[in-house]
Amino acid sequence: MKRLIFLSYCLIISCILSYGQDLNGIWKGTLTQQAGGCFPVYFIEVQLSINGDSVHGATYHYSDITNYVKKKFTGHYIQSYKKLVMNEGPVQTFKIPADCTPCIKNYELWYSASGDKETLTGQWNGKVMNTNLDCQPGQLVLTRVKESAFKEVPEIEVDTGTIRLDFYDNGEIDDDTISVYVNKKMILSNQRLSAKAATTFIKIDLQNTFQEIEMVAENMGRIPPNTALLIVTAGTKRYNLYLTSTNQKNAMVRFIYSPPPPNAQPL
């Protein structure tokens, strides 16, 4: 009798854990595509948030962090079947070869776990961006990971037209000198950093939905590496970013236009 009660207790606990599985977090894997697509296999990262049975988040489709497509998605999770349905919205930004066009995808995924490994497996289909043409469908397999592949490149969503960028030397003034590029076009050249801001402005709107800022170290100053405090002012919002550039790696920040909600008051 005690054994029966114990087995029943274990079964109840197992059901609770199964139905209460927390899928929030970052998932990464590979996505395949049938013949005719731009890439037969490429990476995908899903940043997933679940509230009840509703899901939302962002997807990155990429070959590396400089060649990628980013989209937001919504959907729902059916706990009884461990089934996740995701529908991508419009592209937020993309940097891919000119002969490729992003695909707006829909996914059906199923959750499973074996030991410490958690997996989302399923298939996808979709439409070529800005058309009614079908994409070549495919399969995907995702596993949970601890951090984003894009963590080293901050992304800031803004809904304002003009963004102010103020660069300062971070810490001791040691003659750090930088050049700054926006989408590969130089906007500051050999600018010495100090306690006084080196200021520039960029535009972001429906016609310019993506701006990539790259800070190049022209020297290491007296105290390597080359470090800067970047204060970003976007409308009423303000961000402090600490950037580090070396001879091997440039610091980058990406700004993405996200339209304000329909009922938002103009600034």
Protein backbone atom coordinates (compact mmCIF):
# COMPACT_ATOMS: atom_id res chain seq x y z
CA MET A 1 0.00 0.00 0.00
CA LYS A 2 2.84 2.41 0.92
CA ARG A 3 4.58 1.52 -2.35
CA LEU A 4 1.40 2.34 -4.31
CA ILE A 5 1.05 5.69 -2.55
CA PHE A 6 4.72 6.48 -3.25
CA LEU A 7 4.36 5.63 -6.96
CA SER A 8 1.21 7.75 -7.18
CA TYR A 9 3.05 10.66 -5.54
CA CYS A 10 5.94 10.36 -8.02
CA LEU A 11 3.49 10.31 -10.94
CA ILE A 12 1.78 13.49 -9.68
CA ILE A 13 5.12 15.28 -9.25
CA SER A 14 6.19 14.15 -12.72
CA CYS A 15 2.99 15.55 -14.23
CA ILE A 16 3.41 18.86 -12.40
CA LEU A 17 6.98 19.23 -13.65
CA SER A 18 5.96 18.26 -17.18
CA TYR A 19 3.08 20.72 -17.36
CA GLY A 20 4.91 23.48 -15.54
CA GLN A 21 8.08 23.41 -17.64
CA ASP A 22 9.65 26.84 -17.91
CA LEU A 23 10.68 27.47 -21.52
CA ASN A 24 11.70 31.09 -20.97
CA GLY A 25 15.22 31.87 -22.10
CA ILE A 26 17.53 31.57 -25.07
CA TRP A 27 17.43 28.66 -27.49
CA LYS A 28 19.93 28.06 -30.26
CA GLY A 29 20.27 25.57 -33.06
CA THR A 30 20.29 24.98 -36.79
CA LEU A 31 17.58 25.54 -39.34
CA THR A 32 17.48 23.61 -42.61
CA GLN A 33 15.78 24.62 -45.84
CA GLN A 34 14.71 22.61 -48.86
CA ALA A 35 16.46 23.11 -52.21
CA GLY A 36 15.87 26.57 -53.65
CA GLY A 37 16.50 28.55 -50.48
CA CYS A 38 19.39 30.96 -49.96
CA PHE A 39 21.20 28.73 -47.44
CA PRO A 40 20.63 24.97 -46.99
CA VAL A 41 21.62 25.21 -43.29
CA TYR A 42 22.15 28.20 -41.00
CA PHE A 43 22.00 29.15 -37.34
CA ILE A 44 18.94 30.35 -35.47
CA GLU A 45 18.62 31.89 -32.00
CA VAL A 46 15.23 32.25 -30.31
CA GLN A 47 14.85 34.58 -27.34
CA LEU A 48 11.66 33.20 -25.81
CA SER A 49 9.29 34.63 -23.20
CA ILE A 50 6.14 32.81 -22.06
CA ASN A 51 3.31 34.23 -19.98
CA GLY A 52 0.62 31.63 -19.38
CA ASP A 53 -0.03 30.14 -22.79
CA SER A 54 1.04 33.28 -24.69
CA VAL A 55 4.56 33.56 -26.11
CA HIS A 56 6.61 36.37 -27.61
CA GLY A 57 10.22 37.21 -28.29
CA ALA A 58 12.78 37.65 -31.04
CA THR A 59 14.47 35.40 -33.58
CA TYR A 60 17.90 35.80 -35.13
CA HIS A 61 18.75 33.92 -38.33
CA TYR A 62 22.46 34.18 -38.98
CA SER A 63 25.70 32.84 -40.39
CA ASP A 64 27.63 35.03 -37.92
CA ILE A 65 26.78 38.08 -35.78
CA THR A 66 27.53 40.46 -38.66
CA ASN A 67 25.25 38.66 -41.17
CA TYR A 68 21.81 38.13 -39.72
CA VAL A 69 18.07 38.80 -39.82
CA LYS A 70 16.16 39.83 -36.70
CA LYS A 71 12.37 39.54 -36.29
CA LYS A 72 9.92 39.63 -33.42
CA PHE A 73 7.34 36.89 -32.98
CA THR A 74 4.17 36.03 -31.07
CA GLY A 75 2.41 32.72 -30.55
CA HIS A 76 1.12 30.26 -27.98
CA TYR A 77 2.18 27.19 -26.02
CA ILE A 78 -0.06 24.13 -25.62
CA GLN A 79 1.18 22.57 -22.39
CA SER A 80 -0.76 19.32 -22.70
CA TYR A 81 1.04 18.54 -25.99
CA LYS A 82 4.28 20.39 -25.18
CA LYS A 83 3.71 22.19 -28.47
CA LEU A 84 5.02 25.68 -29.23
CA VAL A 85 3.56 27.73 -32.11
CA MET A 86 5.46 30.86 -33.19
CA ASN A 87 4.55 33.38 -35.90
CA GLU A 88 7.14 35.95 -36.95
CA GLY A 89 6.21 39.55 -37.62
CA PRO A 90 7.92 42.09 -39.89
CA VAL A 91 11.70 42.14 -40.14
CA GLN A 92 13.29 44.56 -37.66
CA THR A 93 16.65 44.57 -39.37
CA PHE A 94 18.80 42.46 -41.64
CA LYS A 95 22.34 42.33 -43.00
CA ILE A 96 22.58 39.51 -45.53
CA PRO A 97 23.90 39.02 -49.09
CA ALA A 98 22.14 41.19 -51.69
CA ASP A 99 20.84 38.14 -53.57
CA CYS A 100 19.00 36.83 -50.47
CA THR A 101 15.59 37.98 -49.22
CA PRO A 102 14.35 37.33 -45.65
CA CYS A 103 11.51 34.88 -45.09
CA ILE A 104 8.75 35.59 -42.54
CA LYS A 105 8.41 32.23 -40.83
CA ASN A 106 5.84 30.23 -38.86
CA TYR A 107 6.99 27.43 -36.57
CA GLU A 108 5.54 24.34 -34.92
CA LEU A 109 7.88 22.96 -32.26
CA TRP A 110 7.66 20.24 -29.64
CA TYR A 111 9.50 20.26 -26.34
CA SER A 112 11.43 17.27 -24.96
CA ALA A 113 14.03 16.69 -22.27
CA SER A 114 16.60 13.97 -21.75
CA GLY A 115 18.74 14.34 -18.65
CA ASP A 116 20.10 17.90 -18.63
CA LYS A 117 19.47 18.46 -22.34
CA GLU A 118 16.30 20.31 -23.37
CA THR A 119 15.21 20.38 -27.01
CA LEU A 120 12.65 22.11 -29.21
CA THR A 121 12.20 20.23 -32.49
CA GLY A 122 9.86 20.82 -35.40
CA GLN A 123 9.28 22.39 -38.78
CA TRP A 124 8.71 25.79 -40.34
CA ASN A 125 7.19 27.43 -43.39
CA GLY A 126 6.67 31.03 -44.41
CA LYS A 127 6.38 33.78 -47.00
CA VAL A 128 9.11 35.76 -48.75
CA MET A 129 9.25 39.25 -47.23
CA ASN A 130 6.86 41.76 -48.87
CA THR A 131 5.37 39.10 -51.18
CA ASN A 132 2.84 36.28 -51.10
CA LEU A 133 5.42 33.79 -52.36
CA ASP A 134 6.06 30.66 -50.32
CA CYS A 135 9.53 30.10 -48.86
CA GLN A 136 11.12 26.70 -49.20
CA PRO A 137 10.14 25.07 -45.86
CA GLY A 138 12.43 23.14 -43.56
CA GLN A 139 13.22 21.68 -40.16
CA LEU A 140 14.87 23.02 -37.04
CA VAL A 141 16.32 21.73 -33.78
CA LEU A 142 16.95 24.05 -30.82
CA THR A 143 18.63 23.46 -27.46
CA ARG A 144 18.61 25.77 -24.46
CA VAL A 145 21.76 27.89 -24.03
CA LYS A 146 22.93 30.23 -21.27
CA GLU A 147 23.66 33.37 -23.27
CA SER A 148 22.98 35.04 -26.59
CA ALA A 149 25.44 34.91 -29.47
CA PHE A 150 24.69 38.64 -29.84
CA LYS A 151 25.44 39.62 -26.22
CA GLU A 152 28.62 41.51 -27.17
CA VAL A 153 26.77 43.85 -29.52
CA PRO A 154 24.17 45.92 -27.60
CA GLU A 155 20.89 46.53 -29.44
CA ILE A 156 18.71 49.49 -28.54
CA GLU A 157 15.17 49.87 -29.86
CA VAL A 158 14.14 53.48 -30.40
CA ASP A 159 11.00 55.20 -31.70
CA THR A 160 12.41 58.68 -32.13
CA GLY A 161 13.86 60.40 -35.18
CA THR A 162 17.19 61.88 -34.03
CA ILE A 163 19.59 60.17 -31.65
CA ARG A 164 22.39 62.04 -29.91
CA LEU A 165 25.68 60.23 -29.25
CA ASP A 166 28.13 61.65 -26.70
CA PHE A 167 31.52 59.93 -26.42
CA TYR A 168 33.72 60.45 -23.33
CA ASP A 169 36.92 58.86 -22.13
CA ASN A 170 35.95 56.26 -19.55
CA GLY A 171 38.01 56.60 -16.38
CA GLU A 172 41.38 58.32 -16.46
CA ILE A 173 41.96 60.69 -19.38
CA ASP A 174 44.83 58.91 -21.17
CA ASP A 175 44.72 60.21 -24.76
CA ASP A 176 42.47 57.47 -26.17
CA THR A 177 41.66 58.34 -29.79
CA ILE A 178 38.79 56.86 -31.79
CA SER A 179 37.06 56.99 -35.15
CA VAL A 180 33.33 56.28 -35.36
CA TYR A 181 31.43 54.77 -38.27
CA VAL A 182 27.70 54.54 -38.93
CA ASN A 183 26.85 51.69 -41.32
CA LYS A 184 30.51 51.75 -42.44
CA LYS A 185 30.49 55.53 -43.13
CA MET A 186 32.87 57.59 -41.01
CA ILE A 187 31.22 60.32 -38.89
CA LEU A 188 34.07 61.03 -36.43
CA SER A 189 37.74 60.82 -37.40
CA ASN A 190 40.70 60.51 -35.00
CA GLN A 191 38.70 62.04 -32.17
CA ARG A 192 40.59 62.34 -28.88
CA LEU A 193 38.41 61.37 -25.93
CA SER A 194 38.29 63.56 -22.84
CA ALA A 195 35.92 64.71 -20.11
CA LYS A 196 34.25 66.90 -22.74
CA ALA A 197 31.80 65.11 -25.01
CA ALA A 198 32.60 64.34 -28.63
CA THR A 199 29.06 64.68 -29.98
CA THR A 200 27.41 63.46 -33.15
CA PHE A 201 23.84 62.72 -34.28
CA ILE A 202 22.22 59.94 -36.27
CA LYS A 203 18.77 59.64 -37.86
CA ILE A 204 16.49 56.64 -37.48
CA ASP A 205 12.94 56.33 -38.83
CA LEU A 206 10.80 54.31 -41.24
CA GLN A 207 13.25 55.06 -44.07
CA ASN A 208 16.33 54.36 -41.91
CA THR A 209 15.29 51.52 -39.62
CA PHE A 210 18.77 50.27 -38.70
CA GLN A 211 21.94 52.06 -37.69
CA GLU A 212 25.11 50.21 -36.69
CA ILE A 213 27.67 52.24 -34.75
CA GLU A 214 31.26 51.00 -34.79
CA MET A 215 33.98 52.51 -32.60
CA VAL A 216 37.50 51.94 -33.94
CA ALA A 217 40.51 52.42 -31.67
CA GLU A 218 43.10 54.61 -33.41
CA ASN A 219 45.46 54.06 -30.47
CA MET A 220 45.45 52.40 -27.05
CA GLY A 221 46.15 55.59 -25.10
CA ARG A 222 48.56 55.37 -22.20
CA ILE A 223 46.48 52.68 -20.47
CA PRO A 224 45.23 49.94 -22.84
CA PRO A 225 42.63 49.09 -23.97
CA ASN A 226 40.80 52.01 -25.58
CA THR A 227 37.65 52.60 -23.50
CA ALA A 228 34.79 55.04 -23.88
CA LEU A 229 31.58 56.00 -22.16
CA LEU A 230 28.84 56.49 -24.76
CA ILE A 231 25.77 58.38 -23.55
CA VAL A 232 22.83 57.90 -25.91
CA THR A 233 19.89 60.31 -25.85
CA ALA A 234 16.84 59.14 -27.81
CA GLY A 235 13.86 61.39 -27.17
CA THR A 236 13.14 61.17 -23.45
CA LYS A 237 15.25 58.03 -23.02
CA ARG A 238 18.90 57.97 -22.01
CA TYR A 239 21.37 55.07 -22.07
CA ASN A 240 24.92 54.77 -20.70
CA LEU A 241 27.09 52.27 -22.60
CA TYR A 242 30.68 51.32 -21.79
CA LEU A 243 32.61 50.43 -24.95
CA THR A 244 36.01 48.80 -25.34
CA SER A 245 38.03 48.62 -28.56
CA THR A 246 41.38 46.94 -29.17
CA ASN A 247 43.69 46.40 -32.12
CA GLN A 248 41.86 43.13 -32.74
CA LYS A 249 38.22 44.02 -32.06
CA ASN A 250 36.02 47.08 -32.52
CA ALA A 251 33.16 48.03 -30.23
CA MET A 252 29.70 48.05 -31.81
CA VAL A 253 26.18 49.24 -30.93
CA ARG A 254 23.05 48.71 -33.02
CA PHE A 255 19.98 50.95 -33.05
CA ILE A 256 16.73 49.50 -34.39
CA TYR A 257 13.62 51.50 -35.16
CA SER A 258 10.55 50.21 -33.32
CA PRO A 259 7.40 52.24 -34.11
CA PRO A 260 5.55 53.60 -31.08
CA PRO A 261 2.20 51.96 -30.22
CA PRO A 262 -0.82 53.48 -32.01
CA ASN A 263 -2.10 55.21 -28.86
CA ALA A 264 1.27 56.74 -27.93
CA GLN A 265 1.40 60.50 -27.58
CA PRO A 266 3.90 62.29 -29.85
CA LEU A 267 7.02 63.61 -28.13
